[in-house]
Each structure stands twice: as C-alpha cells, then as structure tokens.
Amino acid sequence: MTRRFPSLGLWVGIAAAALLVAPASAPAQKNSAENVKITASPEKGKDGSRVVKLKLSVADGWYIYANPVGNEDLAPNATTVKVKGVKDADVKVTYPDPKVKKDKDIGNYNYYVGDITIEATVRNASGPLEFQVQVNTCHLVRGVCLAPGTVKVMVP
C-alpha cells in the first residue's frame, strides 16, 4: 500500500488562502513617541521670560514614567523636557504630581496617564522654540515597554 501526501502546490495554496482570510494585525509600534501627542500654549512671563504649557496626551492603556520616577533603577526612563538651542540653565521645568505604582518586584515608581500638563519657563531665548519631550511608554496591563521616543512641538 502506497501512502500519498498532498503536493507542495496544494500546501502553498492553503497557506495563501489562510493569509487572505486572516485578520490584519495592527502595525508594530516603533517607539514610545507613537503613544504620546503634544500641544503647546505659550504665554509671556512677568520678567520677560516665556512660559509654555506643554499638554501631553498619553494613549489609552499606556503610561509614561514621571519626573522624578522615584526609583533609582528606572530613573533613566523619566520624562524630560529640552528646548533646542537653549541652555538647560535657562529652562525651568515644573512637572505635575504623578500617580504611584506599588510594585513589590522592582520597587515603587511614579508615572503619568491620560492628559498631563508640564510647565516650562524659558529665559534668554528669542524666536521660535522647539520643545523636545523624551518619553518612555509602557502598557498598563501587559507591562511591555516600548523604546524611548521624543515628541516635539514648535512655539512661535
């Protein structure tokens, strides 16, 4: 008795058909910036400085690490603000109050979810300013974190 196996062509046809009916998966996210949107509201400071409120909107189901993170091991993941072409000494950043995650494995840490506002006061700068906010997002349920990313916004 001879045993017959389906031809290679049949297997290729079955695989192709499976790909056609399989649901499309969401594209893989490359970095944390894809989960955070940013807008800016500039004002004039009393002393001639520029006060800019940066509104970050973190995607549902995700969080970003706060500043400060409150955990030495996670400190490099803190949300930070830089202004392109402006010395750090000329930028004062005020971060909002964070939520605290109690984690018995890696230790407690601070984070932000949803919409948050960061205030930056910039001295000794004229012309348009580019704000660069470094973020690191993690999924609230799955615990997976994406590579850090930078969201940017221009202020006239």
N, C-alpha and C. Protein backbone atom coordinates (compact mmCIF):
# COMPACT_ATOMS: atom_id res chain seq x y z
N MET A 1 0.83 -1.16 0.00
CA MET A 1 0.00 0.00 0.00
C MET A 1 0.89 1.25 0.00
N THR A 2 0.62 2.16 -0.88
CA THR A 2 1.40 3.37 -1.03
C THR A 2 0.66 4.53 -0.37
N ARG A 3 1.38 5.27 0.42
CA ARG A 3 0.78 6.41 1.10
C ARG A 3 1.03 7.65 0.26
N ARG A 4 0.02 8.45 0.04
CA ARG A 4 0.17 9.66 -0.77
C ARG A 4 0.07 10.90 0.11
N PHE A 5 0.92 11.86 -0.17
CA PHE A 5 0.91 13.12 0.53
C PHE A 5 0.47 14.20 -0.44
N PRO A 6 -0.25 15.20 0.07
CA PRO A 6 -0.66 16.29 -0.82
C PRO A 6 0.58 16.96 -1.43
N SER A 7 0.42 17.45 -2.63
CA SER A 7 1.54 18.07 -3.33
C SER A 7 1.90 19.40 -2.69
N LEU A 8 3.12 19.84 -2.96
CA LEU A 8 3.61 21.11 -2.45
C LEU A 8 2.70 22.25 -2.91
N GLY A 9 2.21 22.17 -4.14
CA GLY A 9 1.33 23.21 -4.68
C GLY A 9 0.06 23.36 -3.85
N LEU A 10 -0.48 22.24 -3.36
CA LEU A 10 -1.68 22.29 -2.54
C LEU A 10 -1.39 23.00 -1.23
N TRP A 11 -0.25 22.70 -0.62
CA TRP A 11 0.12 23.35 0.64
C TRP A 11 0.32 24.85 0.45
N VAL A 12 0.93 25.25 -0.63
CA VAL A 12 1.13 26.67 -0.91
C VAL A 12 -0.22 27.36 -1.08
N GLY A 13 -1.13 26.71 -1.77
CA GLY A 13 -2.47 27.26 -1.96
C GLY A 13 -3.22 27.42 -0.65
N ILE A 14 -3.10 26.44 0.23
CA ILE A 14 -3.77 26.52 1.54
C ILE A 14 -3.18 27.66 2.37
N ALA A 15 -1.85 27.79 2.36
CA ALA A 15 -1.19 28.86 3.11
C ALA A 15 -1.60 30.23 2.59
N ALA A 16 -1.66 30.38 1.28
CA ALA A 16 -2.06 31.66 0.68
C ALA A 16 -3.49 32.00 1.05
N ALA A 17 -4.38 31.02 1.02
CA ALA A 17 -5.77 31.26 1.38
C ALA A 17 -5.88 31.66 2.85
N ALA A 18 -5.10 31.04 3.71
CA ALA A 18 -5.13 31.39 5.13
C ALA A 18 -4.69 32.83 5.35
N LEU A 19 -3.70 33.27 4.60
CA LEU A 19 -3.24 34.65 4.73
C LEU A 19 -4.30 35.64 4.28
N LEU A 20 -5.06 35.27 3.27
CA LEU A 20 -6.10 36.17 2.77
C LEU A 20 -7.24 36.34 3.74
N VAL A 21 -7.57 35.31 4.49
CA VAL A 21 -8.71 35.40 5.40
C VAL A 21 -8.30 35.74 6.82
N ALA A 22 -7.00 35.71 7.12
CA ALA A 22 -6.53 36.04 8.47
C ALA A 22 -6.76 37.52 8.72
N PRO A 23 -7.17 37.88 9.95
CA PRO A 23 -7.38 39.30 10.24
C PRO A 23 -6.06 40.05 10.21
N ALA A 24 -6.11 41.26 9.72
CA ALA A 24 -4.91 42.08 9.67
C ALA A 24 -4.54 42.51 11.07
N SER A 25 -3.30 42.37 11.44
CA SER A 25 -2.87 42.81 12.76
C SER A 25 -2.42 44.25 12.67
N ALA A 26 -2.45 44.92 13.82
CA ALA A 26 -2.02 46.30 13.86
C ALA A 26 -0.52 46.37 13.62
N PRO A 27 -0.06 47.41 12.96
CA PRO A 27 1.38 47.51 12.73
C PRO A 27 2.11 47.65 14.06
N ALA A 28 3.30 47.09 14.13
CA ALA A 28 4.10 47.16 15.35
C ALA A 28 4.51 48.60 15.61
N GLN A 29 4.46 49.00 16.86
CA GLN A 29 4.88 50.35 17.21
C GLN A 29 6.39 50.38 17.32
N LYS A 30 6.98 51.46 16.88
CA LYS A 30 8.43 51.56 16.85
C LYS A 30 9.00 52.12 18.13
N ASN A 31 8.36 53.18 18.66
CA ASN A 31 8.87 53.74 19.90
C ASN A 31 7.76 54.47 20.65
N SER A 32 8.09 54.91 21.84
CA SER A 32 7.11 55.50 22.75
C SER A 32 6.44 56.76 22.22
N ALA A 33 7.10 57.49 21.33
CA ALA A 33 6.53 58.73 20.81
C ALA A 33 5.21 58.49 20.08
N GLU A 34 5.00 57.29 19.58
CA GLU A 34 3.77 56.98 18.87
C GLU A 34 2.55 56.93 19.79
N ASN A 35 2.78 56.85 21.10
CA ASN A 35 1.69 56.78 22.07
C ASN A 35 1.44 58.10 22.80
N VAL A 36 2.15 59.15 22.39
CA VAL A 36 2.02 60.43 23.09
C VAL A 36 1.86 61.56 22.06
N LYS A 37 0.84 62.38 22.27
CA LYS A 37 0.61 63.57 21.44
C LYS A 37 0.93 64.79 22.29
N ILE A 38 1.39 65.86 21.64
CA ILE A 38 1.80 67.06 22.38
C ILE A 38 1.24 68.32 21.73
N THR A 39 0.82 69.27 22.58
CA THR A 39 0.43 70.60 22.13
C THR A 39 1.07 71.60 23.09
N ALA A 40 1.16 72.86 22.67
CA ALA A 40 1.79 73.88 23.50
C ALA A 40 0.95 75.14 23.54
N SER A 41 0.93 75.77 24.71
CA SER A 41 0.25 77.06 24.91
C SER A 41 1.26 78.04 25.52
N PRO A 42 1.78 78.97 24.70
CA PRO A 42 2.78 79.92 25.21
C PRO A 42 2.13 81.17 25.82
N GLU A 43 2.82 81.74 26.80
CA GLU A 43 2.42 82.99 27.43
C GLU A 43 3.69 83.79 27.72
N LYS A 44 3.53 85.09 27.92
CA LYS A 44 4.66 85.94 28.33
C LYS A 44 4.76 85.91 29.84
N GLY A 45 5.98 85.71 30.35
CA GLY A 45 6.22 85.76 31.78
C GLY A 45 6.35 87.20 32.25
N LYS A 46 6.23 87.41 33.55
CA LYS A 46 6.32 88.76 34.12
C LYS A 46 7.70 89.37 33.93
N ASP A 47 8.72 88.54 33.92
CA ASP A 47 10.09 89.02 33.85
C ASP A 47 10.66 88.98 32.43
N GLY A 48 9.80 88.88 31.43
CA GLY A 48 10.26 88.81 30.04
C GLY A 48 10.53 87.39 29.57
N SER A 49 10.38 86.44 30.48
CA SER A 49 10.57 85.04 30.09
C SER A 49 9.36 84.58 29.29
N ARG A 50 9.46 83.37 28.78
CA ARG A 50 8.33 82.76 28.07
C ARG A 50 7.89 81.54 28.86
N VAL A 51 6.61 81.49 29.16
CA VAL A 51 6.05 80.37 29.92
C VAL A 51 5.22 79.54 28.95
N VAL A 52 5.57 78.27 28.84
CA VAL A 52 4.90 77.39 27.88
C VAL A 52 4.31 76.20 28.62
N LYS A 53 3.01 76.01 28.42
CA LYS A 53 2.35 74.84 28.99
C LYS A 53 2.31 73.77 27.91
N LEU A 54 2.96 72.66 28.19
CA LEU A 54 3.00 71.52 27.27
C LEU A 54 1.98 70.50 27.71
N LYS A 55 1.00 70.24 26.86
CA LYS A 55 -0.02 69.24 27.19
C LYS A 55 0.35 67.95 26.48
N LEU A 56 0.57 66.92 27.26
CA LEU A 56 0.84 65.60 26.71
C LEU A 56 -0.40 64.74 26.89
N SER A 57 -0.78 64.06 25.84
CA SER A 57 -1.91 63.13 25.88
C SER A 57 -1.36 61.73 25.63
N VAL A 58 -1.40 60.91 26.68
CA VAL A 58 -0.89 59.54 26.61
C VAL A 58 -2.03 58.64 26.16
N ALA A 59 -1.78 57.78 25.18
CA ALA A 59 -2.79 56.89 24.62
C ALA A 59 -3.42 56.02 25.70
N ASP A 60 -4.71 55.71 25.51
CA ASP A 60 -5.41 54.82 26.43
C ASP A 60 -4.67 53.50 26.58
N GLY A 61 -4.58 53.03 27.82
CA GLY A 61 -3.93 51.75 28.09
C GLY A 61 -2.43 51.85 28.29
N TRP A 62 -1.88 53.06 28.17
CA TRP A 62 -0.43 53.26 28.30
C TRP A 62 -0.14 54.28 29.39
N TYR A 63 1.10 54.26 29.90
CA TYR A 63 1.55 55.30 30.82
C TYR A 63 2.97 55.70 30.45
N ILE A 64 3.39 56.87 30.95
CA ILE A 64 4.78 57.29 30.81
C ILE A 64 5.34 57.46 32.21
N TYR A 65 6.64 57.25 32.32
CA TYR A 65 7.29 57.45 33.61
C TYR A 65 7.30 58.93 33.95
N ALA A 66 7.10 59.23 35.23
CA ALA A 66 7.05 60.61 35.71
C ALA A 66 8.46 61.17 35.88
N ASN A 67 8.51 62.44 36.25
CA ASN A 67 9.77 63.07 36.61
C ASN A 67 9.55 63.77 37.94
N PRO A 68 10.16 63.31 39.02
CA PRO A 68 11.09 62.18 39.07
C PRO A 68 10.34 60.84 39.08
N VAL A 69 11.06 59.79 38.68
CA VAL A 69 10.47 58.45 38.65
C VAL A 69 10.30 57.90 40.06
N GLY A 70 11.21 58.29 40.96
CA GLY A 70 11.10 57.81 42.34
C GLY A 70 11.67 56.42 42.54
N ASN A 71 12.40 55.92 41.56
CA ASN A 71 13.02 54.60 41.63
C ASN A 71 14.36 54.72 40.89
N GLU A 72 15.45 54.56 41.62
CA GLU A 72 16.77 54.77 41.03
C GLU A 72 17.02 53.90 39.80
N ASP A 73 16.53 52.67 39.81
CA ASP A 73 16.74 51.78 38.68
C ASP A 73 16.00 52.24 37.42
N LEU A 74 14.89 52.96 37.61
CA LEU A 74 14.08 53.41 36.48
C LEU A 74 14.32 54.87 36.12
N ALA A 75 15.21 55.54 36.84
CA ALA A 75 15.46 56.98 36.63
C ALA A 75 15.77 57.35 35.19
N PRO A 76 16.53 56.53 34.42
CA PRO A 76 16.80 56.91 33.03
C PRO A 76 15.55 56.99 32.15
N ASN A 77 14.43 56.44 32.62
CA ASN A 77 13.18 56.44 31.85
C ASN A 77 12.30 57.65 32.12
N ALA A 78 12.75 58.57 32.97
CA ALA A 78 11.95 59.74 33.34
C ALA A 78 11.59 60.58 32.12
N THR A 79 10.41 61.17 32.16
CA THR A 79 10.01 62.13 31.15
C THR A 79 10.85 63.39 31.35
N THR A 80 11.46 63.88 30.26
CA THR A 80 12.31 65.08 30.36
C THR A 80 11.97 66.06 29.24
N VAL A 81 12.18 67.34 29.53
CA VAL A 81 11.92 68.40 28.56
C VAL A 81 13.23 69.12 28.25
N LYS A 82 13.49 69.32 26.97
CA LYS A 82 14.63 70.11 26.50
C LYS A 82 14.09 71.13 25.50
N VAL A 83 14.79 72.23 25.38
CA VAL A 83 14.45 73.24 24.38
C VAL A 83 15.66 73.36 23.47
N LYS A 84 15.46 73.04 22.21
CA LYS A 84 16.57 73.03 21.26
C LYS A 84 17.22 74.41 21.18
N GLY A 85 18.55 74.41 21.33
CA GLY A 85 19.31 75.65 21.20
C GLY A 85 19.31 76.53 22.44
N VAL A 86 18.69 76.07 23.53
CA VAL A 86 18.63 76.86 24.76
C VAL A 86 19.36 76.09 25.86
N LYS A 87 20.19 76.79 26.62
CA LYS A 87 20.93 76.15 27.72
C LYS A 87 19.96 75.63 28.77
N ASP A 88 20.29 74.47 29.32
CA ASP A 88 19.44 73.88 30.38
C ASP A 88 19.24 74.85 31.54
N ALA A 89 20.25 75.65 31.85
CA ALA A 89 20.16 76.61 32.96
C ALA A 89 19.10 77.69 32.70
N ASP A 90 18.74 77.89 31.44
CA ASP A 90 17.74 78.91 31.09
C ASP A 90 16.33 78.34 30.96
N VAL A 91 16.17 77.08 31.32
CA VAL A 91 14.85 76.43 31.23
C VAL A 91 14.51 75.84 32.60
N LYS A 92 13.39 76.29 33.16
CA LYS A 92 12.90 75.74 34.42
C LYS A 92 11.63 74.95 34.11
N VAL A 93 11.65 73.67 34.44
CA VAL A 93 10.52 72.80 34.12
C VAL A 93 9.82 72.38 35.41
N THR A 94 8.49 72.49 35.39
CA THR A 94 7.68 72.05 36.52
C THR A 94 6.80 70.89 36.04
N TYR A 95 7.01 69.74 36.66
CA TYR A 95 6.26 68.54 36.28
C TYR A 95 5.06 68.36 37.19
N PRO A 96 3.98 67.76 36.70
CA PRO A 96 2.78 67.57 37.52
C PRO A 96 2.98 66.47 38.57
N ASP A 97 2.07 66.42 39.51
CA ASP A 97 2.09 65.35 40.51
C ASP A 97 1.79 64.02 39.82
N PRO A 98 2.55 63.00 40.15
CA PRO A 98 2.36 61.70 39.50
C PRO A 98 1.42 60.78 40.28
N LYS A 99 1.09 59.69 39.64
CA LYS A 99 0.46 58.56 40.32
C LYS A 99 1.62 57.67 40.78
N VAL A 100 1.37 56.84 41.79
CA VAL A 100 2.41 55.95 42.30
C VAL A 100 2.00 54.51 42.07
N LYS A 101 2.88 53.77 41.43
CA LYS A 101 2.66 52.33 41.20
C LYS A 101 3.41 51.58 42.29
N LYS A 102 2.68 50.77 43.04
CA LYS A 102 3.29 49.92 44.07
C LYS A 102 3.68 48.61 43.40
N ASP A 103 4.97 48.33 43.35
CA ASP A 103 5.46 47.13 42.68
C ASP A 103 6.46 46.42 43.58
N LYS A 104 6.07 45.24 44.05
CA LYS A 104 6.92 44.51 45.01
C LYS A 104 8.14 43.89 44.33
N ASP A 105 8.13 43.76 43.00
CA ASP A 105 9.25 43.14 42.30
C ASP A 105 10.36 44.14 42.00
N ILE A 106 10.02 45.29 41.39
CA ILE A 106 11.07 46.24 41.01
C ILE A 106 11.09 47.48 41.89
N GLY A 107 10.14 47.58 42.78
CA GLY A 107 10.06 48.75 43.65
C GLY A 107 9.04 49.75 43.12
N ASN A 108 8.55 50.58 44.00
CA ASN A 108 7.55 51.58 43.63
C ASN A 108 8.14 52.60 42.66
N TYR A 109 7.27 53.17 41.80
CA TYR A 109 7.71 54.20 40.87
C TYR A 109 6.55 55.11 40.53
N ASN A 110 6.88 56.30 40.01
CA ASN A 110 5.90 57.32 39.66
C ASN A 110 5.64 57.30 38.16
N TYR A 111 4.37 57.59 37.79
CA TYR A 111 4.01 57.58 36.37
C TYR A 111 2.85 58.53 36.11
N TYR A 112 2.62 58.80 34.80
CA TYR A 112 1.51 59.64 34.36
C TYR A 112 0.65 58.85 33.37
N VAL A 113 -0.66 59.08 33.44
CA VAL A 113 -1.59 58.51 32.46
C VAL A 113 -2.50 59.62 31.95
N GLY A 114 -3.10 59.39 30.78
CA GLY A 114 -4.06 60.35 30.24
C GLY A 114 -3.42 61.66 29.84
N ASP A 115 -4.10 62.78 30.17
CA ASP A 115 -3.62 64.11 29.81
C ASP A 115 -2.89 64.72 31.00
N ILE A 116 -1.69 65.23 30.74
CA ILE A 116 -0.92 65.91 31.78
C ILE A 116 -0.40 67.22 31.21
N THR A 117 -0.09 68.16 32.10
CA THR A 117 0.46 69.44 31.66
C THR A 117 1.79 69.68 32.37
N ILE A 118 2.79 69.95 31.59
CA ILE A 118 4.13 70.29 32.08
C ILE A 118 4.34 71.77 31.77
N GLU A 119 4.85 72.52 32.73
CA GLU A 119 5.08 73.95 32.50
C GLU A 119 6.59 74.21 32.39
N ALA A 120 6.97 74.91 31.35
CA ALA A 120 8.38 75.26 31.14
C ALA A 120 8.51 76.77 31.03
N THR A 121 9.41 77.33 31.84
CA THR A 121 9.71 78.75 31.78
C THR A 121 11.08 78.89 31.13
N VAL A 122 11.11 79.66 30.02
CA VAL A 122 12.34 79.80 29.24
C VAL A 122 12.81 81.25 29.30
N ARG A 123 14.08 81.45 29.71
CA ARG A 123 14.69 82.78 29.77
C ARG A 123 15.76 82.86 28.69
N ASN A 124 16.09 84.08 28.31
CA ASN A 124 17.20 84.35 27.38
C ASN A 124 17.03 83.63 26.03
N ALA A 125 15.83 83.62 25.52
CA ALA A 125 15.59 82.97 24.22
C ALA A 125 14.63 83.83 23.41
N SER A 126 14.91 83.94 22.12
CA SER A 126 14.01 84.67 21.23
C SER A 126 13.74 83.81 20.01
N GLY A 127 12.72 84.21 19.27
CA GLY A 127 12.36 83.46 18.08
C GLY A 127 11.63 82.18 18.42
N PRO A 128 11.34 81.39 17.40
CA PRO A 128 10.63 80.13 17.62
C PRO A 128 11.45 79.16 18.48
N LEU A 129 10.75 78.41 19.29
CA LEU A 129 11.39 77.43 20.16
C LEU A 129 10.87 76.02 19.84
N GLU A 130 11.79 75.07 19.79
CA GLU A 130 11.39 73.68 19.60
C GLU A 130 11.53 72.94 20.93
N PHE A 131 10.39 72.50 21.46
CA PHE A 131 10.39 71.72 22.69
C PHE A 131 10.47 70.24 22.32
N GLN A 132 11.37 69.55 23.01
CA GLN A 132 11.59 68.12 22.78
C GLN A 132 11.35 67.40 24.10
N VAL A 133 10.34 66.54 24.11
CA VAL A 133 9.99 65.83 25.34
C VAL A 133 10.29 64.35 25.15
N GLN A 134 11.24 63.86 25.94
CA GLN A 134 11.63 62.45 25.91
C GLN A 134 10.65 61.67 26.78
N VAL A 135 10.05 60.62 26.20
CA VAL A 135 9.07 59.80 26.92
C VAL A 135 9.40 58.32 26.76
N ASN A 136 8.92 57.55 27.72
CA ASN A 136 9.04 56.10 27.65
C ASN A 136 7.70 55.53 28.08
N THR A 137 6.96 54.92 27.12
CA THR A 137 5.64 54.41 27.43
C THR A 137 5.67 52.92 27.73
N CYS A 138 4.77 52.53 28.63
CA CYS A 138 4.59 51.12 28.99
C CYS A 138 3.10 50.83 29.01
N HIS A 139 2.73 49.60 28.69
CA HIS A 139 1.33 49.21 28.68
C HIS A 139 0.88 48.92 30.10
N LEU A 140 -0.28 49.44 30.47
CA LEU A 140 -0.79 49.29 31.83
C LEU A 140 -1.08 47.85 32.21
N VAL A 141 -1.56 47.04 31.26
CA VAL A 141 -1.96 45.67 31.58
C VAL A 141 -0.87 44.67 31.24
N ARG A 142 -0.34 44.75 30.02
CA ARG A 142 0.66 43.77 29.58
C ARG A 142 2.02 44.01 30.18
N GLY A 143 2.30 45.23 30.63
CA GLY A 143 3.58 45.53 31.24
C GLY A 143 4.72 45.72 30.26
N VAL A 144 4.46 45.59 28.97
CA VAL A 144 5.51 45.76 27.97
C VAL A 144 5.80 47.24 27.78
N CYS A 145 7.09 47.56 27.66
CA CYS A 145 7.50 48.95 27.44
C CYS A 145 8.12 49.08 26.05
N LEU A 146 7.87 50.20 25.41
CA LEU A 146 8.46 50.48 24.10
C LEU A 146 9.77 51.22 24.27
N ALA A 147 10.54 51.27 23.22
CA ALA A 147 11.78 52.04 23.24
C ALA A 147 11.44 53.51 23.48
N PRO A 148 12.33 54.24 24.14
CA PRO A 148 12.07 55.67 24.36
C PRO A 148 11.88 56.40 23.04
N GLY A 149 11.14 57.50 23.11
CA GLY A 149 10.91 58.32 21.92
C GLY A 149 10.84 59.78 22.32
N THR A 150 10.87 60.66 21.33
CA THR A 150 10.81 62.10 21.58
C THR A 150 9.66 62.70 20.81
N VAL A 151 8.79 63.41 21.53
CA VAL A 151 7.72 64.18 20.88
C VAL A 151 8.17 65.64 20.86
N LYS A 152 7.86 66.31 19.76
CA LYS A 152 8.34 67.68 19.57
C LYS A 152 7.18 68.61 19.22
N VAL A 153 7.34 69.87 19.63
CA VAL A 153 6.37 70.88 19.26
C VAL A 153 7.10 72.22 19.13
N MET A 154 6.71 72.99 18.12
CA MET A 154 7.29 74.32 17.90
C MET A 154 6.39 75.37 18.52
N VAL A 155 7.03 76.37 19.12
CA VAL A 155 6.31 77.51 19.69
C VAL A 155 6.84 78.77 19.04
N PRO A 156 5.95 79.57 18.45
CA PRO A 156 6.42 80.79 17.76
C PRO A 156 7.00 81.82 18.73
